[in-house]
C-alpha atoms as a PDB file:
ATOM      1  CA  MET A   1      -0.081  -0.100   0.087  1.00  0.00           C
ATOM      2  CA  SER A   2       1.608   3.394  -1.016  1.00  0.00           C
ATOM      3  CA  SER A   3       1.684   6.268   1.370  1.00  0.00           C
ATOM      4  CA  GLY A   4      -0.939   7.929  -0.665  1.00  0.00           C
ATOM      5  CA  GLN A   5      -3.426   4.984  -0.100  1.00  0.00           C
ATOM      6  CA  ARG A   6      -2.605   4.872   3.498  1.00  0.00           C
ATOM      7  CA  VAL A   7      -3.476   8.491   3.956  1.00  0.00           C
ATOM      8  CA  ALA A   8      -6.473   7.882   1.952  1.00  0.00           C
ATOM      9  CA  ALA A   9      -7.450   4.885   4.038  1.00  0.00           C
ATOM     10  CA  ARG A  10      -6.934   6.806   7.267  1.00  0.00           C
ATOM     11  CA  ALA A  11      -9.120   9.619   6.233  1.00  0.00           C
ATOM     12  CA  ALA A  12     -11.867   7.235   5.234  1.00  0.00           C
ATOM     13  CA  ARG A  13     -11.710   5.524   8.798  1.00  0.00           C
ATOM     14  CA  GLY A  14     -11.732   8.984  10.408  1.00  0.00           C
ATOM     15  CA  VAL A  15     -15.028  10.032   8.484  1.00  0.00           C
ATOM     16  CA  ALA A  16     -16.403   6.574   9.489  1.00  0.00           C
ATOM     17  CA  VAL A  17     -15.507   7.188  13.121  1.00  0.00           C
ATOM     18  CA  ALA A  18     -16.690  10.817  12.998  1.00  0.00           C
ATOM     19  CA  ALA A  19     -20.083   9.483  11.410  1.00  0.00           C
ATOM     20  CA  LEU A  20     -20.526   6.856  13.877  1.00  0.00           C
ATOM     21  CA  GLY A  21     -19.752   9.221  16.912  1.00  0.00           C
ATOM     22  CA  ALA A  22     -22.246  11.986  15.559  1.00  0.00           C
ATOM     23  CA  ALA A  23     -25.318   9.079  15.272  1.00  0.00           C
ATOM     24  CA  VAL A  24     -24.699   7.843  18.501  1.00  0.00           C
ATOM     25  CA  GLY A  25     -24.053  11.182  19.881  1.00  0.00           C
ATOM     26  CA  LEU A  26     -20.480  10.731  21.294  1.00  0.00           C
ATOM     27  CA  LEU A  27     -17.392  12.913  20.787  1.00  0.00           C
ATOM     28  CA  VAL A  28     -14.825  11.028  19.181  1.00  0.00           C
ATOM     29  CA  ALA A  29     -11.172  12.323  19.636  1.00  0.00           C
ATOM     30  CA  SER A  30      -8.267  10.874  17.824  1.00  0.00           C
ATOM     31  CA  SER A  31      -5.094  10.494  19.387  1.00  0.00           C
ATOM     32  CA  ALA A  32      -1.434   9.568  18.208  1.00  0.00           C
ATOM     33  CA  SER A  33      -0.175   8.672  21.628  1.00  0.00           C
ATOM     34  CA  ALA A  34       1.707   5.773  22.192  1.00  0.00           C
ATOM     35  CA  SER A  35      -0.177   4.299  24.764  1.00  0.00           C
ATOM     36  CA  THR A  36      -3.177   3.661  22.564  1.00  0.00           C
ATOM     37  CA  ASP A  37      -1.163   2.689  19.476  1.00  0.00           C
ATOM     38  CA  GLY A  38       1.996   1.191  20.638  1.00  0.00           C
ATOM     39  CA  GLU A  39       5.511   2.700  21.251  1.00  0.00           C
ATOM     40  CA  ALA A  40       8.347   4.217  19.237  1.00  0.00           C
ATOM     41  CA  TYR A  41      11.805   3.914  20.713  1.00  0.00           C
ATOM     42  CA  VAL A  42      15.604   3.761  20.128  1.00  0.00           C
ATOM     43  CA  VAL A  43      17.893   0.705  21.047  1.00  0.00           C
ATOM     44  CA  ALA A  44      21.603   1.237  21.165  1.00  0.00           C
ATOM     45  CA  ASP A  45      24.475  -1.396  20.979  1.00  0.00           C
ATOM     46  CA  VAL A  46      28.059  -0.978  21.065  1.00  0.00           C
ATOM     47  CA  GLN A  47      30.932  -3.174  19.753  1.00  0.00           C
ATOM     48  CA  CYS A  48      34.455  -2.738  18.743  1.00  0.00           C
ATOM     49  CA  ASP A  49      36.175  -3.384  15.421  1.00  0.00           C
ATOM     50  CA  THR A  50      39.444  -5.004  14.476  1.00  0.00           C
ATOM     51  CA  SER A  51      41.115  -1.372  14.655  1.00  0.00           C
ATOM     52  CA  HIS A  52      39.942  -0.925  18.447  1.00  0.00           C
ATOM     53  CA  ASN A  53      37.697   1.704  17.386  1.00  0.00           C
ATOM     54  CA  GLY A  54      33.942   1.904  18.919  1.00  0.00           C
ATOM     55  CA  VAL A  55      31.029   1.015  16.503  1.00  0.00           C
ATOM     56  CA  LEU A  56      27.544   2.275  17.575  1.00  0.00           C
ATOM     57  CA  ASP A  57      24.299   0.738  16.291  1.00  0.00           C
ATOM     58  CA  LEU A  58      20.996   2.418  16.875  1.00  0.00           C
ATOM     59  CA  THR A  59      17.790   0.514  15.901  1.00  0.00           C
ATOM     60  CA  LEU A  60      14.920   2.845  15.685  1.00  0.00           C
ATOM     61  CA  ILE A  61      11.907   0.841  16.205  1.00  0.00           C
ATOM     62  CA  ASN A  62       8.172   1.526  15.780  1.00  0.00           C
ATOM     63  CA  GLU A  63       5.799  -0.764  17.223  1.00  0.00           C
ATOM     64  CA  ARG A  64       2.921   1.411  16.398  1.00  0.00           C
ATOM     65  CA  ALA A  65       0.023  -0.528  14.643  1.00  0.00           C
ATOM     66  CA  SER A  66      -0.934   2.449  12.177  1.00  0.00           C
ATOM     67  CA  ILE A  67       1.299   5.419  12.621  1.00  0.00           C
ATOM     68  CA  ASP A  68       4.697   6.435  11.438  1.00  0.00           C
ATOM     69  CA  ALA A  69       7.471   7.448  13.568  1.00  0.00           C
ATOM     70  CA  VAL A  70       9.914  10.255  12.982  1.00  0.00           C
ATOM     71  CA  PHE A  71      13.103   9.759  14.459  1.00  0.00           C
ATOM     72  CA  VAL A  72      15.482  12.772  14.173  1.00  0.00           C
ATOM     73  CA  VAL A  73      19.166  11.778  14.697  1.00  0.00           C
ATOM     74  CA  THR A  74      22.050  14.244  15.266  1.00  0.00           C
ATOM     75  CA  ASP A  75      25.361  12.876  14.195  1.00  0.00           C
ATOM     76  CA  ALA A  76      27.707  12.760  17.234  1.00  0.00           C
ATOM     77  CA  HIS A  77      30.942  13.664  15.097  1.00  0.00           C
ATOM     78  CA  SER A  78      29.547  16.119  12.589  1.00  0.00           C
ATOM     79  CA  SER A  79      26.433  17.398  14.079  1.00  0.00           C
ATOM     80  CA  ALA A  80      24.708  16.778  10.871  1.00  0.00           C
ATOM     81  CA  ILE A  81      20.890  16.097  11.436  1.00  0.00           C
ATOM     82  CA  SER A  82      19.107  13.214   9.656  1.00  0.00           C
ATOM     83  CA  GLN A  83      15.351  12.302   9.515  1.00  0.00           C
ATOM     84  CA  PHE A  84      14.276   8.992   9.448  1.00  0.00           C
ATOM     85  CA  THR A  85      10.523   8.019   9.006  1.00  0.00           C
ATOM     86  CA  VAL A  86       9.822   4.490  10.340  1.00  0.00           C
ATOM     87  CA  ALA A  87       6.688   2.858   9.034  1.00  0.00           C
ATOM     88  CA  PRO A  88       3.995   0.882  11.540  1.00  0.00           C
ATOM     89  CA  LYS A  89       5.484  -2.163  12.826  1.00  0.00           C
ATOM     90  CA  SER A  90       8.892  -1.655  11.496  1.00  0.00           C
ATOM     91  CA  ALA A  91      12.606  -0.649  12.242  1.00  0.00           C
ATOM     92  CA  ALA A  92      15.376   1.138  10.576  1.00  0.00           C
ATOM     93  CA  ALA A  93      19.212   0.820  11.638  1.00  0.00           C
ATOM     94  CA  ILE A  94      21.948   3.457  11.851  1.00  0.00           C
ATOM     95  CA  THR A  95      25.779   2.951  12.448  1.00  0.00           C
ATOM     96  CA  PHE A  96      28.302   5.401  13.554  1.00  0.00           C
ATOM     97  CA  THR A  97      31.975   4.026  13.277  1.00  0.00           C
ATOM     98  CA  ASP A  98      35.453   4.959  14.231  1.00  0.00           C
ATOM     99  CA  LEU A  99      34.337   6.317  17.484  1.00  0.00           C
ATOM    100  CA  ASP A 100      36.922   6.969  20.354  1.00  0.00           C
ATOM    101  CA  ASP A 101      36.818   5.696  23.833  1.00  0.00           C
ATOM    102  CA  GLY A 102      34.621   7.475  26.381  1.00  0.00           C
ATOM    103  CA  THR A 103      31.116   8.572  26.625  1.00  0.00           C
ATOM    104  CA  VAL A 104      29.363   9.196  23.187  1.00  0.00           C
ATOM    105  CA  ALA A 105      26.028  11.268  23.378  1.00  0.00           C
ATOM    106  CA  VAL A 106      23.766  10.856  20.268  1.00  0.00           C
ATOM    107  CA  PRO A 107      20.729  13.463  20.290  1.00  0.00           C
ATOM    108  CA  VAL A 108      17.602  11.670  19.150  1.00  0.00           C
ATOM    109  CA  ALA A 109      13.829  12.748  19.073  1.00  0.00           C
ATOM    110  CA  VAL A 110      10.884  10.685  18.435  1.00  0.00           C
ATOM    111  CA  ASP A 111       7.919  12.554  17.036  1.00  0.00           C
ATOM    112  CA  GLY A 112       9.465  15.712  18.688  1.00  0.00           C
ATOM    113  CA  VAL A 113      10.416  14.131  22.007  1.00  0.00           C
ATOM    114  CA  PRO A 114      13.612  13.778  23.116  1.00  0.00           C
ATOM    115  CA  ALA A 115      14.947   9.940  23.269  1.00  0.00           C
ATOM    116  CA  ASN A 116      18.845  10.900  23.547  1.00  0.00           C
ATOM    117  CA  VAL A 117      21.267   8.038  23.663  1.00  0.00           C
ATOM    118  CA  ALA A 118      24.665   8.061  25.592  1.00  0.00           C
ATOM    119  CA  VAL A 119      26.686   4.992  25.481  1.00  0.00           C
ATOM    120  CA  SER A 120      30.174   4.420  26.977  1.00  0.00           C
ATOM    121  CA  VAL A 121      32.878   3.119  24.363  1.00  0.00           C
ATOM    122  CA  SER A 122      35.869   1.122  25.706  1.00  0.00           C
ATOM    123  CA  CYS A 123      37.568  -0.491  22.615  1.00  0.00           C
ATOM    124  CA  ASP A 124      41.240   0.281  22.948  1.00  0.00           C
ATOM    125  CA  PRO A 125      43.520  -2.785  23.899  1.00  0.00           C
ATOM    126  CA  PRO A 126      45.047  -2.679  27.472  1.00  0.00           C
ATOM    127  CA  ILE A 127      48.672  -1.402  27.693  1.00  0.00           C
ATOM    128  CA  VAL A 128      51.247  -3.570  29.697  1.00  0.00           C
ATOM    129  CA  GLU A 129      53.938  -1.314  31.405  1.00  0.00           C
ATOM    130  CA  SER A 130      56.923  -2.435  33.331  1.00  0.00           C
ATOM    131  CA  ALA A 131      57.493  -0.806  36.748  1.00  0.00           C
ATOM    132  CA  PRO A 132      60.122   1.780  37.163  1.00  0.00           C
ATOM    133  CA  GLY A 133      63.308   0.453  38.063  1.00  0.00           C
ATOM    134  CA  SER A 134      62.583  -3.077  37.099  1.00  0.00           C
ATOM    135  CA  ALA A 135      63.455  -2.817  33.730  1.00  0.00           C
ATOM    136  CA  PRO A 136      64.026  -6.224  32.067  1.00  0.00           C
ATOM    137  CA  SER A 137      67.579  -7.149  31.305  1.00  0.00           C
ATOM    138  CA  ALA A 138      69.184  -8.487  28.139  1.00  0.00           C
ATOM    139  CA  ALA A 139      68.743 -11.909  29.079  1.00  0.00           C
ATOM    140  CA  ALA A 140      65.220 -11.661  30.535  1.00  0.00           C
ATOM    141  CA  GLY A 141      63.132 -14.917  30.113  1.00  0.00           C
ATOM    142  CA  VAL A 142      66.155 -17.108  30.013  1.00  0.00           C
ATOM    143  CA  ALA A 143      66.668 -18.792  33.544  1.00  0.00           C
ATOM    144  CA  SER A 144      70.106 -18.919  35.011  1.00  0.00           C
ATOM    145  CA  ALA A 145      71.916 -22.261  34.903  1.00  0.00           C
ATOM    146  CA  SER A 146      71.588 -22.773  38.517  1.00  0.00           C
ATOM    147  CA  ALA A 147      67.701 -22.400  38.611  1.00  0.00           C
ATOM    148  CA  LEU A 148      67.405 -25.147  35.894  1.00  0.00           C
ATOM    149  CA  PRO A 149      67.176 -28.761  37.157  1.00  0.00           C
ATOM    150  CA  ALA A 150      70.278 -30.932  36.655  1.00  0.00           C
ATOM    151  CA  ALA A 151      70.340 -33.203  33.702  1.00  0.00           C
ATOM    152  CA  GLY A 152      72.633 -35.355  32.092  1.00  0.00           C
ATOM    153  CA  SER A 153      74.436 -38.635  32.723  1.00  0.00           C
ATOM    154  CA  SER A 154      74.219 -39.927  36.133  1.00  0.00           C
ATOM    155  CA  THR A 155      75.600 -43.290  37.148  1.00  0.00           C
ATOM    156  CA  THR A 156      72.782 -43.844  39.572  1.00  0.00           C
ATOM    157  CA  GLY A 157      70.278 -43.013  36.891  1.00  0.00           C
ATOM    158  CA  VAL A 158      71.625 -45.281  34.268  1.00  0.00           C
ATOM    159  CA  LEU A 159      71.826 -48.292  36.867  1.00  0.00           C
ATOM    160  CA  LEU A 160      68.101 -47.566  38.095  1.00  0.00           C
ATOM    161  CA  GLY A 161      67.121 -47.451  34.267  1.00  0.00           C
ATOM    162  CA  ALA A 162      68.869 -50.838  33.776  1.00  0.00           C
ATOM    163  CA  VAL A 163      67.212 -52.488  36.559  1.00  0.00           C
ATOM    164  CA  MET A 164      63.891 -51.449  35.628  1.00  0.00           C
ATOM    165  CA  VAL A 165      64.292 -52.726  32.190  1.00  0.00           C
ATOM    166  CA  ALA A 166      65.367 -55.926  33.438  1.00  0.00           C
ATOM    167  CA  VAL A 167      62.619 -56.350  35.746  1.00  0.00           C
ATOM    168  CA  GLY A 168      60.261 -55.522  32.947  1.00  0.00           C
ATOM    169  CA  ALA A 169      61.715 -58.315  30.636  1.00  0.00           C
ATOM    170  CA  ALA A 170      61.606 -60.745  33.414  1.00  0.00           C
ATOM    171  CA  ALA A 171      57.783 -59.775  33.960  1.00  0.00           C
ATOM    172  CA  SER A 172      57.144 -60.261  30.345  1.00  0.00           C
ATOM    173  CA  LEU A 173      58.808 -63.712  30.099  1.00  0.00           C
ATOM    174  CA  VAL A 174      56.964 -65.125  33.215  1.00  0.00           C
ATOM    175  CA  SER A 175      53.626 -63.784  31.826  1.00  0.00           C
ATOM    176  CA  ARG A 176      54.181 -65.338  28.435  1.00  0.00           C
ATOM    177  CA  ARG A 177      54.845 -69.135  30.210  1.00  0.00           C
ATOM    178  CA  ARG A 178      51.843 -68.732  32.150  1.00  0.00           C
ATOM    179  CA  HIS A 179      49.441 -67.945  29.111  1.00  0.00           C
ATOM    180  CA  SER A 180      51.071 -70.560  26.713  1.00  0.00           C
END
């Protein structure tokens, strides 16, 4: 249905309601309030891009059954003003990119009523610093030889290993004779 057809349909409904009200003797008032027809509002979501900049997604939501919602959004960086008309039972999305860390405020109005958005952006990677006076040495990350466990050949180790191999071989032979 085109917007002209919607306007004509609304006008026809208005005439029918007015005629019904006059016939019954009632005063009928038409209202575009959010409480009788639904709500229109903004949802904000912040993410970080791969360059550690903030990305703000605004979703303009119109849950009204029969009335368009007009959103006026002011760009946080350029102060440019944009107007978005969102049809009934619809939504629209706006994305702001390259946001610095900190609070980002986006002035928004829904049908002339302020619905400003303020979000906190925190996308910078953590910074690792060393404490003064504890500068790493050139051999940082390499343990000293005295801190490492002793390795190499040892007569005790070789004898212990030979005894364990002999015991294992003997156990294997005994096991084979029992099962044969």
